[in-house]
Structures are given as structure tokens and as C-alpha cells.
Amino acid sequence: MLPKKRRLTTEDVQDVLKKGRPSRAEHLSVKYLTGEKSLSIAAVVSKSLVKKAVGRNKIRRAVYRAAASLPGNIFAILKGRAIVFVNKVPQDPLAPIFAAELATLLENIRRHV
């Protein structure tokens, strides 16, 4: 699980939604804002994707596990805030697929900043 200090607050989420820049992959999309602080992340799973809260929470936890499994230096290198949206739920185990896509998306963000 991602530590609380690496997750976004409600105010940060609203700010990123208004001003953020998007990046997309097959299962995940990211909206991000650059800033001075180390990277913070929030995970969003739509009710239209998974109806029950238990399922949405399971997917959200998998995204946080995937983010926690990324190399620690990615949080030091990237500065800012990011919201991870789940577009599609994979049939395979969630965390490895999410980790691979999240690493790719964050690398794309790093190149464009």
C-alpha cells in the first residue's frame, strides 16, 4: 500500500482535475501537474467500471500497490501530483499490469516535463 504522505488530498485532486495534463495507456490514464514537492498519487475507479464498492476498493488498492512497487527514486525524480484513472480492468492479476503501465506513464511524464 502506498503511504499516506504519497497520496493526494481532496483539494489536490480537485486542483489536478482542473489544471492537469493527461497521459493514457491501455488500462490506466494519468492526469498530472508538476510542482515542487515529491510525487503524490490518487487512484480513481469509476462506478460505471465496477458497480460494487468492494470491487472498486480492490482495484484502487491494486493501483496503490503498483505505485508502491515502483523504484523509490521515481518519487524523488518526479515532482508534482498525479491522479491515476482506471479505464479497463484486466483479467490477469491487477498489480503487475498496473505497475508496468504506471511505470510507462510516469516515464512519459518525466520526458515531457
PDB file of N, CA and C in Angstrom:
ATOM      1  N   MET A   1       0.846  -1.184   0.000  1.00  0.00           N
ATOM      2  CA  MET A   1       0.000   0.000   0.000  1.00  0.00           C
ATOM      3  C   MET A   1       0.888   1.243   0.000  1.00  0.00           C
ATOM      4  N   LEU A   2       0.453   2.235  -0.685  1.00  0.00           N
ATOM      5  CA  LEU A   2       1.181   3.496  -0.773  1.00  0.00           C
ATOM      6  C   LEU A   2       1.014   4.261   0.539  1.00  0.00           C
ATOM      7  N   PRO A   3       2.101   4.784   1.105  1.00  0.00           N
ATOM      8  CA  PRO A   3       1.978   5.542   2.361  1.00  0.00           C
ATOM      9  C   PRO A   3       1.081   6.770   2.180  1.00  0.00           C
ATOM     10  N   LYS A   4       0.439   7.172   3.256  1.00  0.00           N
ATOM     11  CA  LYS A   4      -0.493   8.298   3.233  1.00  0.00           C
ATOM     12  C   LYS A   4       0.174   9.584   2.721  1.00  0.00           C
ATOM     13  N   LYS A   5       1.447   9.791   3.042  1.00  0.00           N
ATOM     14  CA  LYS A   5       2.123  11.017   2.616  1.00  0.00           C
ATOM     15  C   LYS A   5       2.341  11.066   1.108  1.00  0.00           C
ATOM     16  N   ARG A   6       2.230   9.930   0.418  1.00  0.00           N
ATOM     17  CA  ARG A   6       2.385   9.873  -1.042  1.00  0.00           C
ATOM     18  C   ARG A   6       1.043   9.945  -1.764  1.00  0.00           C
ATOM     19  N   ARG A   7      -0.070  10.052  -1.003  1.00  0.00           N
ATOM     20  CA  ARG A   7      -1.392  10.143  -1.620  1.00  0.00           C
ATOM     21  C   ARG A   7      -1.895  11.581  -1.606  1.00  0.00           C
ATOM     22  N   LEU A   8      -2.768  11.907  -2.540  1.00  0.00           N
ATOM     23  CA  LEU A   8      -3.292  13.266  -2.665  1.00  0.00           C
ATOM     24  C   LEU A   8      -4.445  13.530  -1.713  1.00  0.00           C
ATOM     25  N   THR A   9      -4.597  14.800  -1.318  1.00  0.00           N
ATOM     26  CA  THR A   9      -5.753  15.231  -0.537  1.00  0.00           C
ATOM     27  C   THR A   9      -6.884  15.596  -1.497  1.00  0.00           C
ATOM     28  N   THR A  10      -8.059  15.829  -0.971  1.00  0.00           N
ATOM     29  CA  THR A  10      -9.221  16.191  -1.790  1.00  0.00           C
ATOM     30  C   THR A  10      -8.970  17.489  -2.560  1.00  0.00           C
ATOM     31  N   GLU A  11      -8.364  18.477  -1.902  1.00  0.00           N
ATOM     32  CA  GLU A  11      -8.087  19.758  -2.562  1.00  0.00           C
ATOM     33  C   GLU A  11      -7.094  19.571  -3.715  1.00  0.00           C
ATOM     34  N   ASP A  12      -6.090  18.727  -3.491  1.00  0.00           N
ATOM     35  CA  ASP A  12      -5.109  18.463  -4.548  1.00  0.00           C
ATOM     36  C   ASP A  12      -5.766  17.777  -5.742  1.00  0.00           C
ATOM     37  N   VAL A  13      -6.661  16.837  -5.477  1.00  0.00           N
ATOM     38  CA  VAL A  13      -7.361  16.123  -6.551  1.00  0.00           C
ATOM     39  C   VAL A  13      -8.163  17.106  -7.397  1.00  0.00           C
ATOM     40  N   GLN A  14      -8.896  18.002  -6.747  1.00  0.00           N
ATOM     41  CA  GLN A  14      -9.690  18.981  -7.486  1.00  0.00           C
ATOM     42  C   GLN A  14      -8.809  19.900  -8.320  1.00  0.00           C
ATOM     43  N   ASP A  15      -7.658  20.294  -7.773  1.00  0.00           N
ATOM     44  CA  ASP A  15      -6.729  21.162  -8.494  1.00  0.00           C
ATOM     45  C   ASP A  15      -6.164  20.453  -9.728  1.00  0.00           C
ATOM     46  N   VAL A  16      -5.787  19.180  -9.578  1.00  0.00           N
ATOM     47  CA  VAL A  16      -5.236  18.419 -10.700  1.00  0.00           C
ATOM     48  C   VAL A  16      -6.306  18.195 -11.763  1.00  0.00           C
ATOM     49  N   LEU A  17      -7.538  17.934 -11.355  1.00  0.00           N
ATOM     50  CA  LEU A  17      -8.617  17.737 -12.324  1.00  0.00           C
ATOM     51  C   LEU A  17      -8.840  18.993 -13.165  1.00  0.00           C
ATOM     52  N   LYS A  18      -8.728  20.170 -12.552  1.00  0.00           N
ATOM     53  CA  LYS A  18      -8.948  21.419 -13.283  1.00  0.00           C
ATOM     54  C   LYS A  18      -7.788  21.770 -14.203  1.00  0.00           C
ATOM     55  N   LYS A  19      -6.547  21.625 -13.694  1.00  0.00           N
ATOM     56  CA  LYS A  19      -5.388  22.167 -14.404  1.00  0.00           C
ATOM     57  C   LYS A  19      -4.441  21.117 -14.984  1.00  0.00           C
ATOM     58  N   GLY A  20      -4.697  19.840 -14.727  1.00  0.00           N
ATOM     59  CA  GLY A  20      -3.747  18.793 -15.089  1.00  0.00           C
ATOM     60  C   GLY A  20      -3.661  18.481 -16.568  1.00  0.00           C
ATOM     61  N   ARG A  21      -2.530  17.854 -16.931  1.00  0.00           N
ATOM     62  CA  ARG A  21      -2.295  17.399 -18.306  1.00  0.00           C
ATOM     63  C   ARG A  21      -2.465  15.885 -18.358  1.00  0.00           C
ATOM     64  N   PRO A  22      -3.118  15.363 -19.393  1.00  0.00           N
ATOM     65  CA  PRO A  22      -3.393  13.918 -19.450  1.00  0.00           C
ATOM     66  C   PRO A  22      -2.297  13.098 -20.147  1.00  0.00           C
ATOM     67  N   SER A  23      -2.268  11.820 -19.800  1.00  0.00           N
ATOM     68  CA  SER A  23      -1.442  10.826 -20.468  1.00  0.00           C
ATOM     69  C   SER A  23      -2.191   9.504 -20.364  1.00  0.00           C
ATOM     70  N   ARG A  24      -2.195   8.692 -21.441  1.00  0.00           N
ATOM     71  CA  ARG A  24      -3.040   7.493 -21.462  1.00  0.00           C
ATOM     72  C   ARG A  24      -2.277   6.240 -21.837  1.00  0.00           C
ATOM     73  N   ALA A  25      -2.778   5.099 -21.318  1.00  0.00           N
ATOM     74  CA  ALA A  25      -2.300   3.767 -21.692  1.00  0.00           C
ATOM     75  C   ALA A  25      -3.545   2.882 -21.843  1.00  0.00           C
ATOM     76  N   GLU A  26      -3.358   1.582 -22.015  1.00  0.00           N
ATOM     77  CA  GLU A  26      -4.492   0.694 -22.263  1.00  0.00           C
ATOM     78  C   GLU A  26      -5.443   0.595 -21.072  1.00  0.00           C
ATOM     79  N   HIS A  27      -4.908   0.338 -19.882  1.00  0.00           N
ATOM     80  CA  HIS A  27      -5.750   0.145 -18.704  1.00  0.00           C
ATOM     81  C   HIS A  27      -5.826   1.366 -17.797  1.00  0.00           C
ATOM     82  N   LEU A  28      -4.840   2.252 -17.879  1.00  0.00           N
ATOM     83  CA  LEU A  28      -4.760   3.404 -16.981  1.00  0.00           C
ATOM     84  C   LEU A  28      -4.607   4.701 -17.758  1.00  0.00           C
ATOM     85  N   SER A  29      -5.083   5.790 -17.163  1.00  0.00           N
ATOM     86  CA  SER A  29      -4.787   7.139 -17.645  1.00  0.00           C
ATOM     87  C   SER A  29      -4.308   7.928 -16.437  1.00  0.00           C
ATOM     88  N   VAL A  30      -3.516   8.934 -16.700  1.00  0.00           N
ATOM     89  CA  VAL A  30      -2.985   9.769 -15.631  1.00  0.00           C
ATOM     90  C   VAL A  30      -3.227  11.223 -15.989  1.00  0.00           C
ATOM     91  N   LYS A  31      -3.629  11.993 -15.001  1.00  0.00           N
ATOM     92  CA  LYS A  31      -3.703  13.437 -15.138  1.00  0.00           C
ATOM     93  C   LYS A  31      -2.724  13.982 -14.100  1.00  0.00           C
ATOM     94  N   TYR A  32      -1.816  14.871 -14.513  1.00  0.00           N
ATOM     95  CA  TYR A  32      -0.755  15.286 -13.609  1.00  0.00           C
ATOM     96  C   TYR A  32      -0.479  16.783 -13.694  1.00  0.00           C
ATOM     97  N   LEU A  33       0.069  17.287 -12.608  1.00  0.00           N
ATOM     98  CA  LEU A  33       0.555  18.660 -12.515  1.00  0.00           C
ATOM     99  C   LEU A  33       1.961  18.612 -11.950  1.00  0.00           C
ATOM    100  N   THR A  34       2.861  19.365 -12.512  1.00  0.00           N
ATOM    101  CA  THR A  34       4.201  19.421 -11.950  1.00  0.00           C
ATOM    102  C   THR A  34       4.204  20.383 -10.765  1.00  0.00           C
ATOM    103  N   GLY A  35       5.150  20.195  -9.863  1.00  0.00           N
ATOM    104  CA  GLY A  35       5.238  21.039  -8.681  1.00  0.00           C
ATOM    105  C   GLY A  35       6.585  20.900  -8.019  1.00  0.00           C
ATOM    106  N   GLU A  36       6.718  21.428  -6.799  1.00  0.00           N
ATOM    107  CA  GLU A  36       7.977  21.413  -6.080  1.00  0.00           C
ATOM    108  C   GLU A  36       8.137  20.181  -5.200  1.00  0.00           C
ATOM    109  N   LYS A  37       7.042  19.645  -4.694  1.00  0.00           N
ATOM    110  CA  LYS A  37       7.096  18.506  -3.769  1.00  0.00           C
ATOM    111  C   LYS A  37       7.279  17.198  -4.533  1.00  0.00           C
ATOM    112  N   SER A  38       7.691  16.146  -3.814  1.00  0.00           N
ATOM    113  CA  SER A  38       7.837  14.840  -4.454  1.00  0.00           C
ATOM    114  C   SER A  38       6.470  14.319  -4.892  1.00  0.00           C
ATOM    115  N   LEU A  39       6.474  13.363  -5.788  1.00  0.00           N
ATOM    116  CA  LEU A  39       5.256  12.859  -6.425  1.00  0.00           C
ATOM    117  C   LEU A  39       4.248  12.318  -5.416  1.00  0.00           C
ATOM    118  N   SER A  40       2.992  12.729  -5.556  1.00  0.00           N
ATOM    119  CA  SER A  40       1.865  12.202  -4.792  1.00  0.00           C
ATOM    120  C   SER A  40       0.843  11.675  -5.784  1.00  0.00           C
ATOM    121  N   ILE A  41       0.149  10.597  -5.410  1.00  0.00           N
ATOM    122  CA  ILE A  41      -0.756   9.919  -6.338  1.00  0.00           C
ATOM    123  C   ILE A  41      -2.116   9.673  -5.691  1.00  0.00           C
ATOM    124  N   ALA A  42      -3.175   9.742  -6.495  1.00  0.00           N
ATOM    125  CA  ALA A  42      -4.519   9.316  -6.096  1.00  0.00           C
ATOM    126  C   ALA A  42      -5.017   8.344  -7.155  1.00  0.00           C
ATOM    127  N   ALA A  43      -5.802   7.353  -6.751  1.00  0.00           N
ATOM    128  CA  ALA A  43      -6.374   6.379  -7.686  1.00  0.00           C
ATOM    129  C   ALA A  43      -7.882   6.571  -7.744  1.00  0.00           C
ATOM    130  N   VAL A  44      -8.438   6.542  -8.963  1.00  0.00           N
ATOM    131  CA  VAL A  44      -9.871   6.727  -9.166  1.00  0.00           C
ATOM    132  C   VAL A  44     -10.397   5.565  -9.999  1.00  0.00           C
ATOM    133  N   VAL A  45     -11.452   4.926  -9.490  1.00  0.00           N
ATOM    134  CA  VAL A  45     -12.124   3.843 -10.214  1.00  0.00           C
ATOM    135  C   VAL A  45     -13.586   4.236 -10.345  1.00  0.00           C
ATOM    136  N   SER A  46     -14.067   4.326 -11.564  1.00  0.00           N
ATOM    137  CA  SER A  46     -15.424   4.778 -11.834  1.00  0.00           C
ATOM    138  C   SER A  46     -16.461   3.735 -11.440  1.00  0.00           C
ATOM    139  N   LYS A  47     -17.605   4.226 -11.019  1.00  0.00           N
ATOM    140  CA  LYS A  47     -18.718   3.342 -10.681  1.00  0.00           C
ATOM    141  C   LYS A  47     -19.257   2.640 -11.917  1.00  0.00           C
ATOM    142  N   SER A  48     -19.094   3.251 -13.079  1.00  0.00           N
ATOM    143  CA  SER A  48     -19.551   2.606 -14.315  1.00  0.00           C
ATOM    144  C   SER A  48     -18.649   1.438 -14.698  1.00  0.00           C
ATOM    145  N   LEU A  49     -17.427   1.423 -14.184  1.00  0.00           N
ATOM    146  CA  LEU A  49     -16.490   0.341 -14.454  1.00  0.00           C
ATOM    147  C   LEU A  49     -16.753  -0.871 -13.555  1.00  0.00           C
ATOM    148  N   VAL A  50     -16.933  -0.606 -12.257  1.00  0.00           N
ATOM    149  CA  VAL A  50     -17.214  -1.661 -11.271  1.00  0.00           C
ATOM    150  C   VAL A  50     -18.324  -1.139 -10.368  1.00  0.00           C
ATOM    151  N   LYS A  51     -19.440  -1.846 -10.317  1.00  0.00           N
ATOM    152  CA  LYS A  51     -20.620  -1.362  -9.593  1.00  0.00           C
ATOM    153  C   LYS A  51     -20.453  -1.361  -8.083  1.00  0.00           C
ATOM    154  N   LYS A  52     -19.873  -2.430  -7.535  1.00  0.00           N
ATOM    155  CA  LYS A  52     -19.805  -2.563  -6.078  1.00  0.00           C
ATOM    156  C   LYS A  52     -18.563  -1.880  -5.515  1.00  0.00           C
ATOM    157  N   ALA A  53     -18.738  -1.233  -4.362  1.00  0.00           N
ATOM    158  CA  ALA A  53     -17.638  -0.519  -3.713  1.00  0.00           C
ATOM    159  C   ALA A  53     -16.494  -1.463  -3.355  1.00  0.00           C
ATOM    160  N   VAL A  54     -16.803  -2.690  -2.999  1.00  0.00           N
ATOM    161  CA  VAL A  54     -15.778  -3.669  -2.650  1.00  0.00           C
ATOM    162  C   VAL A  54     -14.842  -3.891  -3.841  1.00  0.00           C
ATOM    163  N   GLY A  55     -15.403  -4.016  -5.036  1.00  0.00           N
ATOM    164  CA  GLY A  55     -14.607  -4.208  -6.243  1.00  0.00           C
ATOM    165  C   GLY A  55     -13.780  -2.985  -6.587  1.00  0.00           C
ATOM    166  N   ARG A  56     -14.383  -1.794  -6.438  1.00  0.00           N
ATOM    167  CA  ARG A  56     -13.657  -0.555  -6.719  1.00  0.00           C
ATOM    168  C   ARG A  56     -12.483  -0.381  -5.753  1.00  0.00           C
ATOM    169  N   ASN A  57     -12.714  -0.698  -4.475  1.00  0.00           N
ATOM    170  CA  ASN A  57     -11.650  -0.585  -3.483  1.00  0.00           C
ATOM    171  C   ASN A  57     -10.527  -1.577  -3.748  1.00  0.00           C
ATOM    172  N   LYS A  58     -10.873  -2.775  -4.194  1.00  0.00           N
ATOM    173  CA  LYS A  58      -9.866  -3.786  -4.519  1.00  0.00           C
ATOM    174  C   LYS A  58      -8.965  -3.289  -5.652  1.00  0.00           C
ATOM    175  N   ILE A  59      -9.561  -2.698  -6.671  1.00  0.00           N
ATOM    176  CA  ILE A  59      -8.799  -2.176  -7.801  1.00  0.00           C
ATOM    177  C   ILE A  59      -7.957  -0.975  -7.370  1.00  0.00           C
ATOM    178  N   ARG A  60      -8.539  -0.102  -6.549  1.00  0.00           N
ATOM    179  CA  ARG A  60      -7.806   1.067  -6.059  1.00  0.00           C
ATOM    180  C   ARG A  60      -6.579   0.634  -5.245  1.00  0.00           C
ATOM    181  N   ARG A  61      -6.758  -0.368  -4.394  1.00  0.00           N
ATOM    182  CA  ARG A  61      -5.627  -0.888  -3.613  1.00  0.00           C
ATOM    183  C   ARG A  61      -4.556  -1.491  -4.522  1.00  0.00           C
ATOM    184  N   ALA A  62      -4.978  -2.146  -5.603  1.00  0.00           N
ATOM    185  CA  ALA A  62      -4.011  -2.713  -6.559  1.00  0.00           C
ATOM    186  C   ALA A  62      -3.200  -1.604  -7.229  1.00  0.00           C
ATOM    187  N   VAL A  63      -3.833  -0.483  -7.540  1.00  0.00           N
ATOM    188  CA  VAL A  63      -3.111   0.652  -8.138  1.00  0.00           C
ATOM    189  C   VAL A  63      -2.103   1.205  -7.125  1.00  0.00           C
ATOM    190  N   TYR A  64      -2.520   1.339  -5.858  1.00  0.00           N
ATOM    191  CA  TYR A  64      -1.601   1.829  -4.828  1.00  0.00           C
ATOM    192  C   TYR A  64      -0.449   0.848  -4.604  1.00  0.00           C
ATOM    193  N   ARG A  65      -0.737  -0.457  -4.659  1.00  0.00           N
ATOM    194  CA  ARG A  65       0.326  -1.466  -4.532  1.00  0.00           C
ATOM    195  C   ARG A  65       1.307  -1.346  -5.695  1.00  0.00           C
ATOM    196  N   ALA A  66       0.765  -1.137  -6.899  1.00  0.00           N
ATOM    197  CA  ALA A  66       1.609  -0.974  -8.085  1.00  0.00           C
ATOM    198  C   ALA A  66       2.490   0.265  -7.942  1.00  0.00           C
ATOM    199  N   ALA A  67       1.928   1.355  -7.449  1.00  0.00           N
ATOM    200  CA  ALA A  67       2.707   2.578  -7.262  1.00  0.00           C
ATOM    201  C   ALA A  67       3.785   2.379  -6.194  1.00  0.00           C
ATOM    202  N   ALA A  68       3.461   1.655  -5.138  1.00  0.00           N
ATOM    203  CA  ALA A  68       4.435   1.400  -4.070  1.00  0.00           C
ATOM    204  C   ALA A  68       5.562   0.495  -4.552  1.00  0.00           C
ATOM    205  N   SER A  69       5.286  -0.357  -5.540  1.00  0.00           N
ATOM    206  CA  SER A  69       6.312  -1.274  -6.037  1.00  0.00           C
ATOM    207  C   SER A  69       7.276  -0.613  -7.026  1.00  0.00           C
ATOM    208  N   LEU A  70       6.968   0.604  -7.464  1.00  0.00           N
ATOM    209  CA  LEU A  70       7.867   1.322  -8.369  1.00  0.00           C
ATOM    210  C   LEU A  70       9.157   1.665  -7.632  1.00  0.00           C
ATOM    211  N   PRO A  71      10.246   1.834  -8.356  1.00  0.00           N
ATOM    212  CA  PRO A  71      11.502   2.208  -7.687  1.00  0.00           C
ATOM    213  C   PRO A  71      11.335   3.503  -6.899  1.00  0.00           C
ATOM    214  N   GLY A  72      11.929   3.565  -5.720  1.00  0.00           N
ATOM    215  CA  GLY A  72      11.787   4.731  -4.847  1.00  0.00           C
ATOM    216  C   GLY A  72      12.289   6.015  -5.467  1.00  0.00           C
ATOM    217  N   ASN A  73      13.249   5.907  -6.381  1.00  0.00           N
ATOM    218  CA  ASN A  73      13.798   7.127  -6.977  1.00  0.00           C
ATOM    219  C   ASN A  73      12.814   7.821  -7.917  1.00  0.00           C
ATOM    220  N   ILE A  74      11.786   7.117  -8.390  1.00  0.00           N
ATOM    221  CA  ILE A  74      10.793   7.751  -9.268  1.00  0.00           C
ATOM    222  C   ILE A  74      10.041   8.838  -8.506  1.00  0.00           C
ATOM    223  N   PHE A  75       9.843   8.612  -7.200  1.00  0.00           N
ATOM    224  CA  PHE A  75       9.156   9.613  -6.385  1.00  0.00           C
ATOM    225  C   PHE A  75      10.068  10.811  -6.108  1.00  0.00           C
ATOM    226  N   ALA A  76      11.376  10.591  -6.103  1.00  0.00           N
ATOM    227  CA  ALA A  76      12.314  11.694  -5.905  1.00  0.00           C
ATOM    228  C   ALA A  76      12.548  12.464  -7.206  1.00  0.00           C
ATOM    229  N   ILE A  77      12.560  11.742  -8.330  1.00  0.00           N
ATOM    230  CA  ILE A  77      12.824  12.381  -9.625  1.00  0.00           C
ATOM    231  C   ILE A  77      11.637  13.226 -10.069  1.00  0.00           C
ATOM    232  N   LEU A  78      10.435  12.636 -10.031  1.00  0.00           N
ATOM    233  CA  LEU A  78       9.240  13.356 -10.468  1.00  0.00           C
ATOM    234  C   LEU A  78       8.710  14.223  -9.335  1.00  0.00           C
ATOM    235  N   LYS A  79       8.451  15.454  -9.636  1.00  0.00           N
ATOM    236  CA  LYS A  79       7.895  16.388  -8.659  1.00  0.00           C
ATOM    237  C   LYS A  79       6.494  16.767  -9.122  1.00  0.00           C
ATOM    238  N   GLY A  80       5.509  16.664  -8.231  1.00  0.00           N
ATOM    239  CA  GLY A  80       4.159  17.082  -8.588  1.00  0.00           C
ATOM    240  C   GLY A  80       3.091  16.165  -8.053  1.00  0.00           C
ATOM    241  N   ARG A  81       1.933  16.227  -8.702  1.00  0.00           N
ATOM    242  CA  ARG A  81       0.764  15.464  -8.274  1.00  0.00           C
ATOM    243  C   ARG A  81       0.159  14.756  -9.471  1.00  0.00           C
ATOM    244  N   ALA A  82      -0.341  13.538  -9.250  1.00  0.00           N
ATOM    245  CA  ALA A  82      -0.923  12.760 -10.342  1.00  0.00           C
ATOM    246  C   ALA A  82      -2.165  12.024  -9.858  1.00  0.00           C
ATOM    247  N   ILE A  83      -3.172  11.959 -10.721  1.00  0.00           N
ATOM    248  CA  ILE A  83      -4.369  11.156 -10.468  1.00  0.00           C
ATOM    249  C   ILE A  83      -4.358  10.028 -11.488  1.00  0.00           C
ATOM    250  N   VAL A  84      -4.479   8.797 -10.999  1.00  0.00           N
ATOM    251  CA  VAL A  84      -4.488   7.626 -11.868  1.00  0.00           C
ATOM    252  C   VAL A  84      -5.935   7.169 -12.018  1.00  0.00           C
ATOM    253  N   PHE A  85      -6.429   7.165 -13.247  1.00  0.00           N
ATOM    254  CA  PHE A  85      -7.784   6.691 -13.537  1.00  0.00           C
ATOM    255  C   PHE A  85      -7.675   5.285 -14.129  1.00  0.00           C
ATOM    256  N   VAL A  86      -8.527   4.383 -13.678  1.00  0.00           N
ATOM    257  CA  VAL A  86      -8.565   3.036 -14.248  1.00  0.00           C
ATOM    258  C   VAL A  86      -9.589   3.055 -15.372  1.00  0.00           C
ATOM    259  N   ASN A  87      -9.136   2.741 -16.606  1.00  0.00           N
ATOM    260  CA  ASN A  87     -10.018   2.740 -17.777  1.00  0.00           C
ATOM    261  C   ASN A  87     -10.652   1.381 -18.015  1.00  0.00           C
ATOM    262  N   LYS A  88      -9.884   0.339 -17.738  1.00  0.00           N
ATOM    263  CA  LYS A  88     -10.316  -1.014 -18.044  1.00  0.00           C
ATOM    264  C   LYS A  88      -9.694  -1.949 -17.016  1.00  0.00           C
ATOM    265  N   VAL A  89     -10.459  -2.935 -16.564  1.00  0.00           N
ATOM    266  CA  VAL A  89      -9.962  -3.890 -15.576  1.00  0.00           C
ATOM    267  C   VAL A  89      -9.398  -5.100 -16.315  1.00  0.00           C
ATOM    268  N   PRO A  90      -8.108  -5.413 -16.134  1.00  0.00           N
ATOM    269  CA  PRO A  90      -7.519  -6.571 -16.806  1.00  0.00           C
ATOM    270  C   PRO A  90      -7.990  -7.883 -16.179  1.00  0.00           C
ATOM    271  N   GLN A  91      -7.947  -8.957 -16.944  1.00  0.00           N
ATOM    272  CA  GLN A  91      -8.356 -10.267 -16.450  1.00  0.00           C
ATOM    273  C   GLN A  91      -7.251 -10.921 -15.620  1.00  0.00           C
ATOM    274  N   ASP A  92      -6.002 -10.573 -15.917  1.00  0.00           N
ATOM    275  CA  ASP A  92      -4.859 -11.133 -15.200  1.00  0.00           C
ATOM    276  C   ASP A  92      -4.725 -10.460 -13.835  1.00  0.00           C
ATOM    277  N   PRO A  93      -3.779 -10.908 -13.015  1.00  0.00           N
ATOM    278  CA  PRO A  93      -3.550 -10.227 -11.731  1.00  0.00           C
ATOM    279  C   PRO A  93      -3.330  -8.732 -11.942  1.00  0.00           C
ATOM    280  N   LEU A  94      -3.966  -7.930 -11.105  1.00  0.00           N
ATOM    281  CA  LEU A  94      -4.024  -6.489 -11.325  1.00  0.00           C
ATOM    282  C   LEU A  94      -2.699  -5.767 -11.116  1.00  0.00           C
ATOM    283  N   ALA A  95      -2.041  -5.995  -9.999  1.00  0.00           N
ATOM    284  CA  ALA A  95      -0.879  -5.193  -9.610  1.00  0.00           C
ATOM    285  C   ALA A  95       0.258  -5.219 -10.639  1.00  0.00           C
ATOM    286  N   PRO A  96       0.671  -6.383 -11.182  1.00  0.00           N
ATOM    287  CA  PRO A  96       1.779  -6.352 -12.150  1.00  0.00           C
ATOM    288  C   PRO A  96       1.446  -5.573 -13.429  1.00  0.00           C
ATOM    289  N   ILE A  97       0.226  -5.711 -13.913  1.00  0.00           N
ATOM    290  CA  ILE A  97      -0.178  -4.988 -15.131  1.00  0.00           C
ATOM    291  C   ILE A  97      -0.223  -3.491 -14.851  1.00  0.00           C
ATOM    292  N   PHE A  98      -0.822  -3.122 -13.718  1.00  0.00           N
ATOM    293  CA  PHE A  98      -0.892  -1.713 -13.348  1.00  0.00           C
ATOM    294  C   PHE A  98       0.510  -1.147 -13.126  1.00  0.00           C
ATOM    295  N   ALA A  99       1.409  -1.918 -12.522  1.00  0.00           N
ATOM    296  CA  ALA A  99       2.775  -1.444 -12.259  1.00  0.00           C
ATOM    297  C   ALA A  99       3.506  -1.156 -13.567  1.00  0.00           C
ATOM    298  N   ALA A 100       3.370  -2.053 -14.529  1.00  0.00           N
ATOM    299  CA  ALA A 100       4.044  -1.861 -15.820  1.00  0.00           C
ATOM    300  C   ALA A 100       3.506  -0.617 -16.526  1.00  0.00           C
ATOM    301  N   GLU A 101       2.192  -0.469 -16.565  1.00  0.00           N
ATOM    302  CA  GLU A 101       1.601   0.689 -17.257  1.00  0.00           C
ATOM    303  C   GLU A 101       1.898   1.985 -16.520  1.00  0.00           C
ATOM    304  N   LEU A 102       1.854   1.949 -15.188  1.00  0.00           N
ATOM    305  CA  LEU A 102       2.128   3.146 -14.405  1.00  0.00           C
ATOM    306  C   LEU A 102       3.577   3.589 -14.595  1.00  0.00           C
ATOM    307  N   ALA A 103       4.503   2.632 -14.639  1.00  0.00           N
ATOM    308  CA  ALA A 103       5.906   2.965 -14.873  1.00  0.00           C
ATOM    309  C   ALA A 103       6.078   3.622 -16.247  1.00  0.00           C
ATOM    310  N   THR A 104       5.398   3.095 -17.255  1.00  0.00           N
ATOM    311  CA  THR A 104       5.461   3.667 -18.602  1.00  0.00           C
ATOM    312  C   THR A 104       4.884   5.079 -18.630  1.00  0.00           C
ATOM    313  N   LEU A 105       3.727   5.259 -18.005  1.00  0.00           N
ATOM    314  CA  LEU A 105       3.093   6.588 -17.985  1.00  0.00           C
ATOM    315  C   LEU A 105       3.967   7.593 -17.249  1.00  0.00           C
ATOM    316  N   LEU A 106       4.521   7.215 -16.105  1.00  0.00           N
ATOM    317  CA  LEU A 106       5.362   8.140 -15.346  1.00  0.00           C
ATOM    318  C   LEU A 106       6.651   8.468 -16.098  1.00  0.00           C
ATOM    319  N   GLU A 107       7.162   7.505 -16.830  1.00  0.00           N
ATOM    320  CA  GLU A 107       8.355   7.765 -17.658  1.00  0.00           C
ATOM    321  C   GLU A 107       8.021   8.757 -18.775  1.00  0.00           C
ATOM    322  N   ASN A 108       6.842   8.623 -19.381  1.00  0.00           N
ATOM    323  CA  ASN A 108       6.401   9.583 -20.410  1.00  0.00           C
ATOM    324  C   ASN A 108       6.260  10.984 -19.809  1.00  0.00           C
ATOM    325  N   ILE A 109       5.716  11.054 -18.596  1.00  0.00           N
ATOM    326  CA  ILE A 109       5.567  12.341 -17.928  1.00  0.00           C
ATOM    327  C   ILE A 109       6.951  12.958 -17.674  1.00  0.00           C
ATOM    328  N   ARG A 110       7.887  12.130 -17.214  1.00  0.00           N
ATOM    329  CA  ARG A 110       9.236  12.615 -16.916  1.00  0.00           C
ATOM    330  C   ARG A 110       9.906  13.176 -18.174  1.00  0.00           C
ATOM    331  N   ARG A 111       9.689  12.533 -19.304  1.00  0.00           N
ATOM    332  CA  ARG A 111      10.288  13.011 -20.556  1.00  0.00           C
ATOM    333  C   ARG A 111       9.687  14.326 -21.030  1.00  0.00           C
ATOM    334  N   HIS A 112       8.405  14.543 -20.750  1.00  0.00           N
ATOM    335  CA  HIS A 112       7.728  15.746 -21.228  1.00  0.00           C
ATOM    336  C   HIS A 112       7.858  16.934 -20.298  1.00  0.00           C
ATOM    337  N   VAL A 113       8.354  16.711 -19.105  1.00  0.00           N
ATOM    338  CA  VAL A 113       8.465  17.821 -18.135  1.00  0.00           C
ATOM    339  C   VAL A 113       9.770  18.530 -18.297  1.00  0.00           C
TER     340      VAL A 113
END
